[in-house]
C-alpha atoms as a PDB file:
ATOM      1  CA  UNK A   1     -37.326  50.656 -74.762  1.00  0.00           C
ATOM      2  CA  UNK A   2     -39.400  48.367 -72.568  1.00  0.00           C
ATOM      3  CA  UNK A   3     -40.677  45.225 -74.276  1.00  0.00           C
ATOM      4  CA  UNK A   4     -43.119  42.551 -73.152  1.00  0.00           C
ATOM      5  CA  UNK A   5     -43.393  39.301 -75.075  1.00  0.00           C
ATOM      6  CA  UNK A   6     -47.116  38.743 -74.989  1.00  0.00           C
ATOM      7  CA  UNK A   7     -48.812  35.395 -74.385  1.00  0.00           C
ATOM      8  CA  UNK A   8     -45.541  33.451 -73.956  1.00  0.00           C
ATOM      9  CA  UNK A   9     -45.059  33.949 -77.719  1.00  0.00           C
ATOM     10  CA  UNK A  10     -48.117  31.723 -78.290  1.00  0.00           C
ATOM     11  CA  UNK A  11     -46.538  28.255 -78.264  1.00  0.00           C
ATOM     12  CA  UNK A  12     -48.378  25.594 -80.247  1.00  0.00           C
ATOM     13  CA  UNK A  13     -49.330  23.483 -77.222  1.00  0.00           C
ATOM     14  CA  UNK A  14     -52.209  21.667 -78.942  1.00  0.00           C
ATOM     15  CA  UNK A  15     -49.799  20.218 -81.507  1.00  0.00           C
ATOM     16  CA  UNK A  16     -48.103  18.149 -78.774  1.00  0.00           C
ATOM     17  CA  UNK A  17     -44.996  18.126 -80.952  1.00  0.00           C
ATOM     18  CA  UNK A  18     -41.602  17.798 -79.252  1.00  0.00           C
ATOM     19  CA  UNK A  19     -39.778  19.550 -82.090  1.00  0.00           C
ATOM     20  CA  UNK A  20     -42.136  22.538 -81.956  1.00  0.00           C
ATOM     21  CA  UNK A  21     -41.641  22.735 -78.193  1.00  0.00           C
ATOM     22  CA  UNK A  22     -37.858  22.662 -78.637  1.00  0.00           C
ATOM     23  CA  UNK A  23     -37.916  25.400 -81.270  1.00  0.00           C
ATOM     24  CA  UNK A  24     -40.185  27.562 -79.114  1.00  0.00           C
ATOM     25  CA  UNK A  25     -38.120  26.905 -75.968  1.00  0.00           C
ATOM     26  CA  UNK A  26     -34.808  27.620 -77.708  1.00  0.00           C
ATOM     27  CA  UNK A  27     -36.185  30.874 -79.093  1.00  0.00           C
ATOM     28  CA  UNK A  28     -37.538  31.957 -75.720  1.00  0.00           C
ATOM     29  CA  UNK A  29     -34.223  31.135 -74.040  1.00  0.00           C
ATOM     30  CA  UNK A  30     -32.411  33.261 -76.587  1.00  0.00           C
ATOM     31  CA  UNK A  31     -34.812  36.176 -76.081  1.00  0.00           C
ATOM     32  CA  UNK A  32     -34.427  35.936 -72.311  1.00  0.00           C
ATOM     33  CA  UNK A  33     -30.620  35.838 -72.470  1.00  0.00           C
ATOM     34  CA  UNK A  34     -29.981  38.385 -75.182  1.00  0.00           C
ATOM     35  CA  UNK A  35     -32.627  41.015 -74.465  1.00  0.00           C
ATOM     36  CA  UNK A  36     -34.099  42.790 -71.492  1.00  0.00           C
ATOM     37  CA  UNK A  37     -37.621  41.797 -72.572  1.00  0.00           C
ATOM     38  CA  UNK A  38     -40.207  40.671 -70.075  1.00  0.00           C
ATOM     39  CA  UNK A  39     -42.671  37.844 -70.724  1.00  0.00           C
ATOM     40  CA  UNK A  40     -46.413  37.788 -70.115  1.00  0.00           C
ATOM     41  CA  UNK A  41     -47.440  34.447 -68.605  1.00  0.00           C
ATOM     42  CA  UNK A  42     -50.791  34.246 -70.365  1.00  0.00           C
ATOM     43  CA  UNK A  43     -52.759  32.520 -73.130  1.00  0.00           C
ATOM     44  CA  UNK A  44     -51.430  29.036 -72.484  1.00  0.00           C
ATOM     45  CA  UNK A  45     -54.927  27.555 -72.300  1.00  0.00           C
ATOM     46  CA  UNK A  46     -55.940  29.184 -75.584  1.00  0.00           C
ATOM     47  CA  UNK A  47     -52.980  27.516 -77.288  1.00  0.00           C
ATOM     48  CA  UNK A  48     -53.823  24.100 -75.817  1.00  0.00           C
ATOM     49  CA  UNK A  49     -56.501  21.754 -77.085  1.00  0.00           C
ATOM     50  CA  UNK A  50     -60.107  21.836 -75.877  1.00  0.00           C
ATOM     51  CA  UNK A  51     -59.506  19.153 -73.243  1.00  0.00           C
ATOM     52  CA  UNK A  52     -56.362  20.732 -71.817  1.00  0.00           C
ATOM     53  CA  UNK A  53     -55.026  19.717 -68.444  1.00  0.00           C
ATOM     54  CA  UNK A  54     -52.761  21.781 -66.230  1.00  0.00           C
ATOM     55  CA  UNK A  55     -49.909  19.299 -66.623  1.00  0.00           C
ATOM     56  CA  UNK A  56     -49.950  19.856 -70.387  1.00  0.00           C
ATOM     57  CA  UNK A  57     -49.069  23.517 -69.705  1.00  0.00           C
ATOM     58  CA  UNK A  58     -46.367  22.846 -67.123  1.00  0.00           C
ATOM     59  CA  UNK A  59     -43.323  22.573 -69.427  1.00  0.00           C
ATOM     60  CA  UNK A  60     -44.191  25.920 -70.993  1.00  0.00           C
ATOM     61  CA  UNK A  61     -44.743  27.710 -67.701  1.00  0.00           C
ATOM     62  CA  UNK A  62     -41.613  26.231 -66.149  1.00  0.00           C
ATOM     63  CA  UNK A  63     -39.510  27.180 -69.152  1.00  0.00           C
ATOM     64  CA  UNK A  64     -40.711  30.779 -69.165  1.00  0.00           C
ATOM     65  CA  UNK A  65     -40.074  31.221 -65.450  1.00  0.00           C
ATOM     66  CA  UNK A  66     -36.689  29.494 -65.578  1.00  0.00           C
ATOM     67  CA  UNK A  67     -35.573  31.506 -68.610  1.00  0.00           C
ATOM     68  CA  UNK A  68     -36.772  34.975 -67.659  1.00  0.00           C
ATOM     69  CA  UNK A  69     -36.894  34.703 -63.877  1.00  0.00           C
ATOM     70  CA  UNK A  70     -39.908  35.789 -61.856  1.00  0.00           C
ATOM     71  CA  UNK A  71     -38.698  39.396 -61.928  1.00  0.00           C
ATOM     72  CA  UNK A  72     -39.324  39.454 -65.713  1.00  0.00           C
ATOM     73  CA  UNK A  73     -42.529  37.374 -65.840  1.00  0.00           C
ATOM     74  CA  UNK A  74     -46.005  38.795 -65.296  1.00  0.00           C
ATOM     75  CA  UNK A  75     -49.231  36.819 -65.208  1.00  0.00           C
ATOM     76  CA  UNK A  76     -52.078  37.825 -67.477  1.00  0.00           C
ATOM     77  CA  UNK A  77     -55.657  36.628 -67.560  1.00  0.00           C
ATOM     78  CA  UNK A  78     -56.077  36.827 -71.352  1.00  0.00           C
ATOM     79  CA  UNK A  79     -59.731  37.488 -70.593  1.00  0.00           C
ATOM     80  CA  UNK A  80     -62.057  37.322 -72.492  1.00  0.00           C
ATOM     81  CA  UNK A  81     -60.047  35.411 -75.115  1.00  0.00           C
ATOM     82  CA  UNK A  82     -59.249  32.684 -72.556  1.00  0.00           C
ATOM     83  CA  UNK A  83     -62.940  31.791 -72.717  1.00  0.00           C
ATOM     84  CA  UNK A  84     -62.197  29.951 -75.973  1.00  0.00           C
ATOM     85  CA  UNK A  85     -60.767  27.178 -73.774  1.00  0.00           C
ATOM     86  CA  UNK A  86     -61.959  27.912 -70.248  1.00  0.00           C
ATOM     87  CA  UNK A  87     -63.197  30.501 -67.840  1.00  0.00           C
ATOM     88  CA  UNK A  88     -61.030  33.038 -66.043  1.00  0.00           C
ATOM     89  CA  UNK A  89     -61.196  31.034 -62.798  1.00  0.00           C
ATOM     90  CA  UNK A  90     -59.960  27.866 -64.535  1.00  0.00           C
ATOM     91  CA  UNK A  91     -56.942  29.611 -66.049  1.00  0.00           C
ATOM     92  CA  UNK A  92     -56.202  31.423 -62.778  1.00  0.00           C
ATOM     93  CA  UNK A  93     -56.334  28.122 -60.856  1.00  0.00           C
ATOM     94  CA  UNK A  94     -54.101  26.406 -63.415  1.00  0.00           C
ATOM     95  CA  UNK A  95     -51.578  29.252 -63.217  1.00  0.00           C
ATOM     96  CA  UNK A  96     -51.572  29.117 -59.419  1.00  0.00           C
ATOM     97  CA  UNK A  97     -50.969  25.367 -59.593  1.00  0.00           C
ATOM     98  CA  UNK A  98     -48.160  25.842 -62.102  1.00  0.00           C
ATOM     99  CA  UNK A  99     -46.423  28.311 -59.798  1.00  0.00           C
ATOM    100  CA  UNK A 100     -47.185  26.595 -56.483  1.00  0.00           C
ATOM    101  CA  UNK A 101     -43.625  25.298 -56.140  1.00  0.00           C
ATOM    102  CA  UNK A 102     -42.119  28.778 -56.261  1.00  0.00           C
ATOM    103  CA  UNK A 103     -41.278  30.823 -53.217  1.00  0.00           C
ATOM    104  CA  UNK A 104     -43.522  33.593 -51.939  1.00  0.00           C
ATOM    105  CA  UNK A 105     -41.327  36.313 -53.455  1.00  0.00           C
ATOM    106  CA  UNK A 106     -41.379  34.753 -56.922  1.00  0.00           C
ATOM    107  CA  UNK A 107     -45.152  34.306 -56.830  1.00  0.00           C
ATOM    108  CA  UNK A 108     -45.617  37.883 -55.614  1.00  0.00           C
ATOM    109  CA  UNK A 109     -43.514  39.092 -58.537  1.00  0.00           C
ATOM    110  CA  UNK A 110     -45.393  37.058 -61.149  1.00  0.00           C
ATOM    111  CA  UNK A 111     -48.831  37.991 -59.835  1.00  0.00           C
ATOM    112  CA  UNK A 112     -48.282  41.720 -59.496  1.00  0.00           C
ATOM    113  CA  UNK A 113     -44.801  42.884 -58.591  1.00  0.00           C
ATOM    114  CA  UNK A 114     -43.285  42.488 -62.044  1.00  0.00           C
ATOM    115  CA  UNK A 115     -46.138  44.381 -63.708  1.00  0.00           C
ATOM    116  CA  UNK A 116     -45.915  47.064 -61.021  1.00  0.00           C
ATOM    117  CA  UNK A 117     -42.217  47.513 -61.726  1.00  0.00           C
ATOM    118  CA  UNK A 118     -42.495  47.282 -65.509  1.00  0.00           C
ATOM    119  CA  UNK A 119     -45.307  49.804 -65.812  1.00  0.00           C
ATOM    120  CA  UNK A 120     -43.917  52.046 -63.024  1.00  0.00           C
ATOM    121  CA  UNK A 121     -47.227  51.913 -61.178  1.00  0.00           C
ATOM    122  CA  UNK A 122     -45.700  52.753 -57.818  1.00  0.00           C
ATOM    123  CA  UNK A 123     -48.053  50.427 -55.980  1.00  0.00           C
END
């Protein structure tokens, strides 16, 4: 069975609590290691506070990508729900910033290749 963990498992970013981050991160690491699940890189801004900044999201994005690898991570817009905290373009720009340090192949996977493979789109 193919499984996608939606919205990065909705971490409580707005809480800014180190223990909550650790619990979330440990759980995500376990899921990445012990299952073949994929992870949707989405909804981080909706879990952050109203005045979120890209750097506030970075530890979550980096952990997901490091744990699952780009070949098991797929970006999602979370539109229109993302509008609770920002417009599509703001989240897209933040995500691009968060992945700017990755190689071209990893970015291509996250922004289309992984979804193509997962859903057998043949594109």
